[in-house]
Amino acid sequence: MNKKPSTIIELLDQIEKAAKNDKEQVSLNEILDTVGHRSFGPLLLLAGLVTLAPIIGDIPGVPAIMGVFVLLAAGQLLLREQHIWLPRWLLEQSIHKDKIFRGIQWMRKPARFLDRWLRTRLTLFIQGTAVYIIAVVCICIAAVMPAMEVIPFSANVAGAALTAFGLSLITKDGLMALIAFIFSAGTFGLALYHFI
């Protein structure tokens, strides 16, 4: 059983470990087997990093797939499920391992910086009812992610919001949750600007 990641570097290491196999393609299921299927924080962080990474997140269809992933995970959190279920077709989605390795290398430097900055604080914003508010906001972000494929940079802003929410839950950093709410507002602002 793998240890639940508590930093971005630990999550990147676990994703890299999942990609170190004999196959050319790495499925979402293989990554989740390393990261864990149960915790909402690491799942949000994973979806955010995949959407945010320029090499991986720019692949057509990836923001939409991550949107479905977040929608299902956040919805089950609201239903108080203990284990997050995902459909087989979603778990079988895969990406070439070289793109994963390149994306991870690109993210390591900012990840080290963020890991030094994050700490437990303002826990009011990441405990109890706040977790369910985060889940509702993530569902709203996930609902607009398929449309973001046609709006330049909007998927990256959504990825930043999901990453920040995931980090806030993993590290118990309420300040990061507040930053995530700001990124969420930016995501909805971009969507409204382009579609209204």
N, C-alpha and C. Protein backbone atom coordinates (compact mmCIF):
# COMPACT_ATOMS: atom_id res chain seq x y z
N MET A 1 0.86 -1.20 0.00
CA MET A 1 0.00 0.00 0.00
C MET A 1 0.89 1.24 0.00
N ASN A 2 0.63 2.16 -0.94
CA ASN A 2 1.45 3.35 -1.03
C ASN A 2 1.00 4.40 -0.02
N LYS A 3 2.00 5.16 0.45
CA LYS A 3 1.72 6.24 1.41
C LYS A 3 0.98 7.36 0.68
N LYS A 4 -0.03 7.92 1.34
CA LYS A 4 -0.78 9.03 0.76
C LYS A 4 0.16 10.22 0.60
N PRO A 5 0.21 10.85 -0.59
CA PRO A 5 1.13 11.98 -0.78
C PRO A 5 0.73 13.16 0.10
N SER A 6 1.73 13.82 0.69
CA SER A 6 1.45 14.99 1.52
C SER A 6 2.12 16.24 0.95
N THR A 7 2.84 16.11 -0.16
CA THR A 7 3.46 17.24 -0.84
C THR A 7 3.30 17.03 -2.35
N ILE A 8 3.55 18.09 -3.12
CA ILE A 8 3.48 17.96 -4.58
C ILE A 8 4.59 17.05 -5.08
N ILE A 9 5.79 17.19 -4.52
CA ILE A 9 6.91 16.35 -4.95
C ILE A 9 6.59 14.87 -4.74
N GLU A 10 5.99 14.55 -3.60
CA GLU A 10 5.62 13.15 -3.34
C GLU A 10 4.61 12.64 -4.38
N LEU A 11 3.64 13.50 -4.75
CA LEU A 11 2.67 13.10 -5.77
C LEU A 11 3.35 12.91 -7.12
N LEU A 12 4.24 13.84 -7.50
CA LEU A 12 4.96 13.70 -8.77
C LEU A 12 5.80 12.43 -8.78
N ASP A 13 6.45 12.12 -7.65
CA ASP A 13 7.24 10.89 -7.55
C ASP A 13 6.37 9.66 -7.76
N GLN A 14 5.16 9.70 -7.20
CA GLN A 14 4.27 8.54 -7.33
C GLN A 14 3.76 8.39 -8.76
N ILE A 15 3.48 9.53 -9.42
CA ILE A 15 3.06 9.46 -10.83
C ILE A 15 4.20 8.93 -11.69
N GLU A 16 5.41 9.41 -11.42
CA GLU A 16 6.58 8.94 -12.16
C GLU A 16 6.79 7.44 -11.96
N LYS A 17 6.58 6.98 -10.74
CA LYS A 17 6.70 5.55 -10.44
C LYS A 17 5.70 4.73 -11.26
N ALA A 18 4.47 5.25 -11.38
CA ALA A 18 3.45 4.55 -12.17
C ALA A 18 3.83 4.48 -13.64
N ALA A 19 4.57 5.49 -14.13
CA ALA A 19 4.95 5.53 -15.54
C ALA A 19 6.17 4.67 -15.85
N LYS A 20 6.88 4.24 -14.81
CA LYS A 20 8.08 3.42 -15.03
C LYS A 20 7.71 1.95 -15.16
N ASN A 21 7.16 1.62 -16.31
CA ASN A 21 6.83 0.23 -16.60
C ASN A 21 7.24 -0.08 -18.04
N ASP A 22 6.94 -1.28 -18.50
CA ASP A 22 7.39 -1.70 -19.83
C ASP A 22 6.48 -1.20 -20.95
N LYS A 23 5.34 -0.61 -20.58
CA LYS A 23 4.40 -0.17 -21.61
C LYS A 23 4.68 1.27 -22.04
N GLU A 24 4.29 1.58 -23.29
CA GLU A 24 4.47 2.94 -23.81
C GLU A 24 3.41 3.89 -23.27
N GLN A 25 2.21 3.38 -23.01
CA GLN A 25 1.10 4.19 -22.53
C GLN A 25 0.86 3.91 -21.04
N VAL A 26 0.47 4.94 -20.31
CA VAL A 26 0.17 4.80 -18.88
C VAL A 26 -1.29 5.22 -18.67
N SER A 27 -2.08 4.34 -18.06
CA SER A 27 -3.51 4.63 -17.87
C SER A 27 -3.74 5.39 -16.58
N LEU A 28 -4.91 6.04 -16.51
CA LEU A 28 -5.31 6.74 -15.30
C LEU A 28 -5.41 5.75 -14.14
N ASN A 29 -5.87 4.55 -14.42
CA ASN A 29 -6.00 3.53 -13.37
C ASN A 29 -4.64 3.18 -12.77
N GLU A 30 -3.61 3.08 -13.61
CA GLU A 30 -2.27 2.76 -13.11
C GLU A 30 -1.74 3.89 -12.22
N ILE A 31 -2.05 5.13 -12.60
CA ILE A 31 -1.62 6.26 -11.78
C ILE A 31 -2.36 6.26 -10.44
N LEU A 32 -3.68 6.01 -10.49
CA LEU A 32 -4.48 5.99 -9.26
C LEU A 32 -4.08 4.83 -8.34
N ASP A 33 -3.63 3.72 -8.94
CA ASP A 33 -3.16 2.60 -8.11
C ASP A 33 -1.95 3.02 -7.27
N THR A 34 -1.16 3.96 -7.80
CA THR A 34 0.01 4.44 -7.05
C THR A 34 -0.34 5.57 -6.10
N VAL A 35 -1.22 6.48 -6.56
CA VAL A 35 -1.58 7.66 -5.76
C VAL A 35 -2.61 7.31 -4.69
N GLY A 36 -3.55 6.45 -5.02
CA GLY A 36 -4.62 6.08 -4.09
C GLY A 36 -5.97 6.49 -4.63
N HIS A 37 -6.97 5.64 -4.41
CA HIS A 37 -8.33 5.87 -4.93
C HIS A 37 -9.24 6.53 -3.90
N ARG A 38 -8.79 6.68 -2.67
CA ARG A 38 -9.72 7.04 -1.60
C ARG A 38 -9.73 8.52 -1.22
N SER A 39 -8.62 9.20 -1.35
CA SER A 39 -8.53 10.56 -0.81
C SER A 39 -8.85 11.61 -1.86
N PHE A 40 -9.74 12.52 -1.49
CA PHE A 40 -10.20 13.57 -2.39
C PHE A 40 -9.08 14.56 -2.72
N GLY A 41 -8.28 14.93 -1.72
CA GLY A 41 -7.20 15.91 -1.94
C GLY A 41 -6.21 15.49 -3.01
N PRO A 42 -5.59 14.29 -2.89
CA PRO A 42 -4.66 13.85 -3.92
C PRO A 42 -5.30 13.70 -5.30
N LEU A 43 -6.57 13.28 -5.35
CA LEU A 43 -7.25 13.14 -6.64
C LEU A 43 -7.45 14.51 -7.30
N LEU A 44 -7.82 15.50 -6.50
CA LEU A 44 -7.96 16.87 -7.03
C LEU A 44 -6.61 17.41 -7.50
N LEU A 45 -5.59 17.17 -6.69
CA LEU A 45 -4.25 17.64 -7.05
C LEU A 45 -3.79 16.99 -8.35
N LEU A 46 -4.04 15.69 -8.49
CA LEU A 46 -3.68 14.98 -9.71
C LEU A 46 -4.38 15.59 -10.92
N ALA A 47 -5.70 15.80 -10.82
CA ALA A 47 -6.47 16.37 -11.93
C ALA A 47 -5.98 17.79 -12.26
N GLY A 48 -5.67 18.56 -11.22
CA GLY A 48 -5.18 19.92 -11.43
C GLY A 48 -3.84 19.95 -12.12
N LEU A 49 -2.92 19.11 -11.66
CA LEU A 49 -1.58 19.08 -12.26
C LEU A 49 -1.62 18.62 -13.71
N VAL A 50 -2.45 17.62 -13.99
CA VAL A 50 -2.57 17.12 -15.37
C VAL A 50 -3.10 18.22 -16.27
N THR A 51 -4.09 18.97 -15.81
CA THR A 51 -4.68 20.05 -16.61
C THR A 51 -3.75 21.25 -16.73
N LEU A 52 -2.97 21.49 -15.69
CA LEU A 52 -2.07 22.65 -15.64
C LEU A 52 -0.80 22.44 -16.46
N ALA A 53 -0.30 21.21 -16.49
CA ALA A 53 0.98 20.93 -17.17
C ALA A 53 0.87 21.25 -18.66
N PRO A 54 1.79 22.06 -19.21
CA PRO A 54 1.67 22.48 -20.60
C PRO A 54 1.78 21.34 -21.60
N ILE A 55 2.55 20.31 -21.31
CA ILE A 55 2.75 19.22 -22.26
C ILE A 55 1.57 18.26 -22.25
N ILE A 56 1.04 18.00 -21.07
CA ILE A 56 -0.05 17.04 -20.93
C ILE A 56 -1.40 17.74 -21.09
N GLY A 57 -1.59 18.85 -20.40
CA GLY A 57 -2.88 19.54 -20.39
C GLY A 57 -3.28 20.14 -21.73
N ASP A 58 -2.31 20.31 -22.65
CA ASP A 58 -2.63 20.88 -23.96
C ASP A 58 -3.11 19.84 -24.96
N ILE A 59 -3.09 18.56 -24.58
CA ILE A 59 -3.56 17.51 -25.48
C ILE A 59 -5.08 17.63 -25.59
N PRO A 60 -5.63 17.69 -26.81
CA PRO A 60 -7.09 17.81 -26.96
C PRO A 60 -7.81 16.67 -26.24
N GLY A 61 -8.83 17.03 -25.49
CA GLY A 61 -9.61 16.04 -24.77
C GLY A 61 -9.22 15.87 -23.31
N VAL A 62 -7.98 16.23 -22.97
CA VAL A 62 -7.52 16.03 -21.59
C VAL A 62 -8.31 16.88 -20.59
N PRO A 63 -8.53 18.19 -20.84
CA PRO A 63 -9.34 18.97 -19.88
C PRO A 63 -10.74 18.38 -19.69
N ALA A 64 -11.36 17.91 -20.77
CA ALA A 64 -12.70 17.34 -20.66
C ALA A 64 -12.68 16.06 -19.83
N ILE A 65 -11.69 15.20 -20.05
CA ILE A 65 -11.57 13.95 -19.29
C ILE A 65 -11.33 14.26 -17.81
N MET A 66 -10.46 15.24 -17.53
CA MET A 66 -10.20 15.61 -16.14
C MET A 66 -11.45 16.24 -15.51
N GLY A 67 -12.25 16.93 -16.33
CA GLY A 67 -13.51 17.49 -15.83
C GLY A 67 -14.46 16.39 -15.37
N VAL A 68 -14.58 15.33 -16.16
CA VAL A 68 -15.43 14.19 -15.78
C VAL A 68 -14.89 13.54 -14.51
N PHE A 69 -13.57 13.39 -14.46
CA PHE A 69 -12.89 12.79 -13.30
C PHE A 69 -13.22 13.57 -12.02
N VAL A 70 -13.09 14.90 -12.08
CA VAL A 70 -13.36 15.76 -10.92
C VAL A 70 -14.84 15.74 -10.57
N LEU A 71 -15.70 15.79 -11.58
CA LEU A 71 -17.14 15.76 -11.36
C LEU A 71 -17.55 14.51 -10.57
N LEU A 72 -17.04 13.36 -10.98
CA LEU A 72 -17.38 12.11 -10.30
C LEU A 72 -16.80 12.06 -8.88
N ALA A 73 -15.53 12.47 -8.74
CA ALA A 73 -14.88 12.42 -7.43
C ALA A 73 -15.55 13.38 -6.44
N ALA A 74 -15.80 14.63 -6.88
CA ALA A 74 -16.41 15.62 -6.00
C ALA A 74 -17.86 15.26 -5.68
N GLY A 75 -18.58 14.73 -6.66
CA GLY A 75 -19.96 14.30 -6.43
C GLY A 75 -20.04 13.21 -5.38
N GLN A 76 -19.10 12.27 -5.44
CA GLN A 76 -19.11 11.18 -4.45
C GLN A 76 -18.67 11.66 -3.07
N LEU A 77 -17.83 12.69 -3.04
CA LEU A 77 -17.48 13.28 -1.75
C LEU A 77 -18.73 13.89 -1.10
N LEU A 78 -19.55 14.58 -1.91
CA LEU A 78 -20.78 15.17 -1.39
C LEU A 78 -21.74 14.10 -0.87
N LEU A 79 -21.69 12.92 -1.49
CA LEU A 79 -22.55 11.81 -1.06
C LEU A 79 -21.93 11.02 0.09
N ARG A 80 -20.76 11.49 0.56
CA ARG A 80 -20.05 10.88 1.69
C ARG A 80 -19.62 9.44 1.42
N GLU A 81 -19.27 9.15 0.17
CA GLU A 81 -18.76 7.82 -0.16
C GLU A 81 -17.37 7.65 0.41
N GLN A 82 -17.06 6.45 0.88
CA GLN A 82 -15.74 6.17 1.45
C GLN A 82 -14.71 5.83 0.37
N HIS A 83 -15.16 5.29 -0.73
CA HIS A 83 -14.27 4.89 -1.82
C HIS A 83 -14.78 5.54 -3.10
N ILE A 84 -13.91 6.21 -3.83
CA ILE A 84 -14.34 6.92 -5.04
C ILE A 84 -14.35 5.95 -6.22
N TRP A 85 -15.55 5.75 -6.79
CA TRP A 85 -15.72 4.86 -7.94
C TRP A 85 -15.60 5.68 -9.22
N LEU A 86 -14.89 5.11 -10.21
CA LEU A 86 -14.78 5.75 -11.52
C LEU A 86 -15.08 4.70 -12.58
N PRO A 87 -15.75 5.08 -13.68
CA PRO A 87 -16.09 4.11 -14.72
C PRO A 87 -14.84 3.58 -15.43
N ARG A 88 -14.97 2.36 -15.94
CA ARG A 88 -13.83 1.71 -16.59
C ARG A 88 -13.29 2.53 -17.76
N TRP A 89 -14.20 3.12 -18.57
CA TRP A 89 -13.73 3.87 -19.74
C TRP A 89 -12.84 5.04 -19.33
N LEU A 90 -13.12 5.63 -18.18
CA LEU A 90 -12.31 6.75 -17.69
C LEU A 90 -10.97 6.23 -17.17
N LEU A 91 -11.01 5.13 -16.41
CA LEU A 91 -9.78 4.55 -15.86
C LEU A 91 -8.84 4.06 -16.95
N GLU A 92 -9.40 3.69 -18.10
CA GLU A 92 -8.58 3.16 -19.20
C GLU A 92 -7.97 4.26 -20.07
N GLN A 93 -8.34 5.53 -19.85
CA GLN A 93 -7.73 6.62 -20.60
C GLN A 93 -6.23 6.63 -20.32
N SER A 94 -5.44 6.78 -21.37
CA SER A 94 -3.99 6.69 -21.17
C SER A 94 -3.26 7.79 -21.93
N ILE A 95 -2.00 7.94 -21.58
CA ILE A 95 -1.14 8.95 -22.21
C ILE A 95 0.25 8.35 -22.37
N HIS A 96 0.97 8.79 -23.37
CA HIS A 96 2.32 8.26 -23.61
C HIS A 96 3.23 8.63 -22.44
N LYS A 97 4.02 7.65 -22.01
CA LYS A 97 4.86 7.85 -20.82
C LYS A 97 5.87 8.98 -20.99
N ASP A 98 6.36 9.23 -22.23
CA ASP A 98 7.33 10.32 -22.44
C ASP A 98 6.72 11.68 -22.10
N LYS A 99 5.44 11.87 -22.43
CA LYS A 99 4.76 13.13 -22.10
C LYS A 99 4.62 13.28 -20.59
N ILE A 100 4.37 12.18 -19.91
CA ILE A 100 4.27 12.22 -18.45
C ILE A 100 5.61 12.63 -17.85
N PHE A 101 6.70 12.00 -18.30
CA PHE A 101 8.02 12.32 -17.76
C PHE A 101 8.39 13.78 -18.03
N ARG A 102 8.09 14.27 -19.24
CA ARG A 102 8.41 15.67 -19.57
C ARG A 102 7.58 16.63 -18.72
N GLY A 103 6.30 16.32 -18.56
CA GLY A 103 5.43 17.16 -17.73
C GLY A 103 5.89 17.20 -16.28
N ILE A 104 6.31 16.05 -15.76
CA ILE A 104 6.78 15.98 -14.37
C ILE A 104 8.06 16.81 -14.20
N GLN A 105 8.98 16.69 -15.16
CA GLN A 105 10.23 17.47 -15.08
C GLN A 105 9.94 18.96 -15.09
N TRP A 106 8.97 19.39 -15.91
CA TRP A 106 8.62 20.81 -15.98
C TRP A 106 8.05 21.29 -14.64
N MET A 107 7.33 20.42 -13.93
CA MET A 107 6.64 20.84 -12.70
C MET A 107 7.50 20.74 -11.44
N ARG A 108 8.64 20.08 -11.49
CA ARG A 108 9.41 19.84 -10.27
C ARG A 108 9.92 21.12 -9.60
N LYS A 109 10.41 22.07 -10.38
CA LYS A 109 10.95 23.29 -9.77
C LYS A 109 9.86 24.10 -9.05
N PRO A 110 8.72 24.41 -9.73
CA PRO A 110 7.67 25.12 -8.98
C PRO A 110 7.11 24.30 -7.82
N ALA A 111 7.12 22.97 -7.96
CA ALA A 111 6.61 22.11 -6.88
C ALA A 111 7.49 22.24 -5.64
N ARG A 112 8.81 22.28 -5.83
CA ARG A 112 9.71 22.43 -4.67
C ARG A 112 9.47 23.76 -3.96
N PHE A 113 9.27 24.81 -4.75
CA PHE A 113 9.00 26.13 -4.16
C PHE A 113 7.71 26.10 -3.35
N LEU A 114 6.64 25.56 -3.93
CA LEU A 114 5.35 25.52 -3.23
C LEU A 114 5.40 24.64 -1.98
N ASP A 115 6.11 23.53 -2.07
CA ASP A 115 6.21 22.63 -0.91
C ASP A 115 6.86 23.32 0.29
N ARG A 116 7.80 24.24 0.02
CA ARG A 116 8.46 24.98 1.12
C ARG A 116 7.51 26.02 1.73
N TRP A 117 6.59 26.53 0.93
CA TRP A 117 5.71 27.61 1.35
C TRP A 117 4.46 27.11 2.09
N LEU A 118 3.97 25.92 1.73
CA LEU A 118 2.73 25.40 2.29
C LEU A 118 2.91 24.93 3.73
N ARG A 119 1.87 25.18 4.57
CA ARG A 119 1.89 24.69 5.94
C ARG A 119 0.47 24.73 6.50
N THR A 120 0.25 24.09 7.63
CA THR A 120 -1.07 24.08 8.26
C THR A 120 -1.39 25.46 8.82
N ARG A 121 -2.51 26.05 8.36
CA ARG A 121 -2.96 27.37 8.83
C ARG A 121 -4.39 27.60 8.35
N LEU A 122 -5.09 28.49 9.01
CA LEU A 122 -6.46 28.86 8.65
C LEU A 122 -7.32 27.63 8.34
N THR A 123 -7.26 26.63 9.22
CA THR A 123 -7.91 25.35 8.96
C THR A 123 -9.44 25.44 8.86
N LEU A 124 -10.00 26.55 9.29
CA LEU A 124 -11.44 26.77 9.15
C LEU A 124 -11.89 26.59 7.70
N PHE A 125 -10.98 26.93 6.74
CA PHE A 125 -11.34 26.90 5.33
C PHE A 125 -11.13 25.54 4.66
N ILE A 126 -10.69 24.53 5.42
CA ILE A 126 -10.48 23.21 4.80
C ILE A 126 -11.00 22.07 5.68
N GLN A 127 -11.87 22.40 6.62
CA GLN A 127 -12.44 21.37 7.48
C GLN A 127 -13.96 21.46 7.51
N GLY A 128 -14.61 20.34 7.83
CA GLY A 128 -16.06 20.32 8.00
C GLY A 128 -16.81 20.77 6.77
N THR A 129 -17.70 21.74 6.94
CA THR A 129 -18.54 22.24 5.85
C THR A 129 -17.71 22.81 4.71
N ALA A 130 -16.54 23.37 5.03
CA ALA A 130 -15.69 23.97 4.00
C ALA A 130 -15.30 22.95 2.93
N VAL A 131 -15.10 21.68 3.32
CA VAL A 131 -14.73 20.64 2.36
C VAL A 131 -15.86 20.44 1.35
N TYR A 132 -17.11 20.51 1.82
CA TYR A 132 -18.25 20.33 0.93
C TYR A 132 -18.43 21.54 0.01
N ILE A 133 -18.10 22.73 0.52
CA ILE A 133 -18.14 23.93 -0.34
C ILE A 133 -17.08 23.80 -1.43
N ILE A 134 -15.89 23.31 -1.06
CA ILE A 134 -14.82 23.08 -2.04
C ILE A 134 -15.31 22.08 -3.09
N ALA A 135 -15.97 21.01 -2.66
CA ALA A 135 -16.48 20.00 -3.60
C ALA A 135 -17.48 20.60 -4.58
N VAL A 136 -18.37 21.47 -4.09
CA VAL A 136 -19.37 22.11 -4.96
C VAL A 136 -18.68 23.02 -5.98
N VAL A 137 -17.70 23.80 -5.54
CA VAL A 137 -16.96 24.68 -6.47
C VAL A 137 -16.23 23.83 -7.51
N CYS A 138 -15.64 22.72 -7.09
CA CYS A 138 -14.93 21.83 -8.03
C CYS A 138 -15.89 21.22 -9.04
N ILE A 139 -17.11 20.90 -8.61
CA ILE A 139 -18.13 20.39 -9.55
C ILE A 139 -18.46 21.46 -10.59
N CYS A 140 -18.57 22.71 -10.15
CA CYS A 140 -18.84 23.82 -11.09
C CYS A 140 -17.69 24.00 -12.08
N ILE A 141 -16.46 23.90 -11.58
CA ILE A 141 -15.29 24.00 -12.47
C ILE A 141 -15.32 22.85 -13.47
N ALA A 142 -15.57 21.63 -12.98
CA ALA A 142 -15.59 20.45 -13.84
C ALA A 142 -16.65 20.56 -14.93
N ALA A 143 -17.78 21.17 -14.58
CA ALA A 143 -18.89 21.30 -15.54
C ALA A 143 -18.53 22.19 -16.73
N VAL A 144 -17.64 23.18 -16.51
CA VAL A 144 -17.28 24.08 -17.61
C VAL A 144 -15.97 23.68 -18.30
N MET A 145 -15.28 22.66 -17.77
CA MET A 145 -13.97 22.30 -18.35
C MET A 145 -14.03 21.83 -19.81
N PRO A 146 -15.05 21.06 -20.23
CA PRO A 146 -15.08 20.69 -21.66
C PRO A 146 -15.12 21.91 -22.58
N ALA A 147 -15.86 22.95 -22.19
CA ALA A 147 -15.94 24.17 -23.02
C ALA A 147 -14.61 24.92 -23.04
N MET A 148 -13.77 24.70 -22.02
CA MET A 148 -12.51 25.43 -21.92
C MET A 148 -11.48 25.00 -22.96
N GLU A 149 -11.76 23.91 -23.64
CA GLU A 149 -10.82 23.47 -24.67
C GLU A 149 -10.74 24.49 -25.80
N VAL A 150 -11.78 25.32 -25.96
CA VAL A 150 -11.77 26.31 -27.05
C VAL A 150 -11.43 27.72 -26.56
N ILE A 151 -11.27 27.88 -25.24
CA ILE A 151 -10.92 29.19 -24.69
C ILE A 151 -9.45 29.18 -24.30
N PRO A 152 -8.61 29.99 -24.94
CA PRO A 152 -7.18 29.97 -24.63
C PRO A 152 -6.89 30.21 -23.15
N PHE A 153 -6.05 29.36 -22.59
CA PHE A 153 -5.53 29.46 -21.21
C PHE A 153 -6.55 29.22 -20.10
N SER A 154 -7.83 29.08 -20.44
CA SER A 154 -8.83 28.91 -19.38
C SER A 154 -8.68 27.56 -18.69
N ALA A 155 -8.30 26.53 -19.43
CA ALA A 155 -8.10 25.21 -18.81
C ALA A 155 -6.95 25.27 -17.82
N ASN A 156 -5.92 26.08 -18.13
CA ASN A 156 -4.80 26.22 -17.21
C ASN A 156 -5.22 26.90 -15.91
N VAL A 157 -6.12 27.89 -16.01
CA VAL A 157 -6.62 28.56 -14.81
C VAL A 157 -7.45 27.57 -13.98
N ALA A 158 -8.26 26.76 -14.66
CA ALA A 158 -9.04 25.72 -13.96
C ALA A 158 -8.09 24.72 -13.30
N GLY A 159 -7.02 24.35 -14.01
CA GLY A 159 -6.03 23.43 -13.44
C GLY A 159 -5.36 24.03 -12.21
N ALA A 160 -5.09 25.34 -12.25
CA ALA A 160 -4.49 26.01 -11.09
C ALA A 160 -5.44 25.98 -9.90
N ALA A 161 -6.74 26.19 -10.15
CA ALA A 161 -7.74 26.15 -9.07
C ALA A 161 -7.82 24.76 -8.45
N LEU A 162 -7.89 23.73 -9.30
CA LEU A 162 -7.98 22.35 -8.79
C LEU A 162 -6.70 21.96 -8.04
N THR A 163 -5.55 22.38 -8.58
CA THR A 163 -4.28 22.10 -7.91
C THR A 163 -4.26 22.75 -6.53
N ALA A 164 -4.68 24.01 -6.47
CA ALA A 164 -4.67 24.73 -5.19
C ALA A 164 -5.64 24.10 -4.18
N PHE A 165 -6.82 23.67 -4.65
CA PHE A 165 -7.75 22.99 -3.75
C PHE A 165 -7.16 21.68 -3.24
N GLY A 166 -6.57 20.92 -4.15
CA GLY A 166 -5.95 19.65 -3.75
C GLY A 166 -4.85 19.86 -2.73
N LEU A 167 -4.00 20.87 -2.97
CA LEU A 167 -2.92 21.18 -2.03
C LEU A 167 -3.46 21.61 -0.68
N SER A 168 -4.52 22.42 -0.69
CA SER A 168 -5.07 22.91 0.57
C SER A 168 -5.58 21.75 1.42
N LEU A 169 -6.20 20.76 0.78
CA LEU A 169 -6.73 19.61 1.52
C LEU A 169 -5.63 18.68 2.00
N ILE A 170 -4.59 18.51 1.20
CA ILE A 170 -3.49 17.61 1.57
C ILE A 170 -2.67 18.19 2.71
N THR A 171 -2.37 19.50 2.62
CA THR A 171 -1.47 20.12 3.59
C THR A 171 -2.20 20.86 4.72
N LYS A 172 -3.54 20.86 4.67
CA LYS A 172 -4.35 21.56 5.67
C LYS A 172 -4.05 23.05 5.69
N ASP A 173 -3.84 23.60 4.50
CA ASP A 173 -3.49 25.02 4.37
C ASP A 173 -4.70 25.80 3.87
N GLY A 174 -5.39 26.47 4.80
CA GLY A 174 -6.58 27.24 4.47
C GLY A 174 -6.29 28.43 3.58
N LEU A 175 -5.07 29.00 3.69
CA LEU A 175 -4.71 30.13 2.82
C LEU A 175 -4.69 29.66 1.37
N MET A 176 -4.20 28.46 1.12
CA MET A 176 -4.19 27.92 -0.24
C MET A 176 -5.62 27.70 -0.74
N ALA A 177 -6.54 27.33 0.16
CA ALA A 177 -7.94 27.19 -0.23
C ALA A 177 -8.51 28.54 -0.67
N LEU A 178 -8.16 29.60 0.05
CA LEU A 178 -8.63 30.94 -0.33
C LEU A 178 -8.07 31.34 -1.70
N ILE A 179 -6.80 31.01 -1.95
CA ILE A 179 -6.20 31.28 -3.26
C ILE A 179 -6.93 30.48 -4.34
N ALA A 180 -7.30 29.24 -4.01
CA ALA A 180 -8.03 28.39 -4.96
C ALA A 180 -9.38 29.01 -5.31
N PHE A 181 -10.05 29.61 -4.33
CA PHE A 181 -11.33 30.27 -4.61
C PHE A 181 -11.14 31.44 -5.58
N ILE A 182 -10.00 32.14 -5.45
CA ILE A 182 -9.70 33.25 -6.37
C ILE A 182 -9.50 32.72 -7.79
N PHE A 183 -8.72 31.63 -7.91
CA PHE A 183 -8.52 31.01 -9.24
C PHE A 183 -9.85 30.52 -9.81
N SER A 184 -10.72 30.01 -8.94
CA SER A 184 -12.04 29.54 -9.39
C SER A 184 -12.84 30.70 -9.97
N ALA A 185 -12.80 31.84 -9.28
CA ALA A 185 -13.50 33.03 -9.79
C ALA A 185 -12.94 33.43 -11.15
N GLY A 186 -11.61 33.32 -11.31
CA GLY A 186 -10.98 33.61 -12.60
C GLY A 186 -11.44 32.65 -13.69
N THR A 187 -11.59 31.37 -13.32
CA THR A 187 -12.06 30.37 -14.28
C THR A 187 -13.46 30.72 -14.78
N PHE A 188 -14.36 31.02 -13.84
CA PHE A 188 -15.73 31.35 -14.23
C PHE A 188 -15.78 32.68 -14.98
N GLY A 189 -14.92 33.61 -14.59
CA GLY A 189 -14.86 34.90 -15.28
C GLY A 189 -14.45 34.74 -16.74
N LEU A 190 -13.43 33.92 -16.99
CA LEU A 190 -12.99 33.67 -18.37
C LEU A 190 -14.08 33.01 -19.19
N ALA A 191 -14.75 32.02 -18.58
CA ALA A 191 -15.83 31.32 -19.29
C ALA A 191 -16.96 32.27 -19.64
N LEU A 192 -17.37 33.12 -18.68
CA LEU A 192 -18.45 34.07 -18.93
C LEU A 192 -18.06 35.10 -20.00
N TYR A 193 -16.83 35.57 -19.93
CA TYR A 193 -16.34 36.57 -20.89
C TYR A 193 -16.41 36.05 -22.33
N HIS A 194 -16.08 34.76 -22.51
CA HIS A 194 -16.02 34.22 -23.87
C HIS A 194 -17.37 33.71 -24.38
N PHE A 195 -18.30 33.42 -23.48
CA PHE A 195 -19.56 32.83 -23.93
C PHE A 195 -20.76 33.74 -23.79
N ILE A 196 -20.58 34.92 -23.21
CA ILE A 196 -21.74 35.84 -23.09
C ILE A 196 -21.51 37.07 -23.95
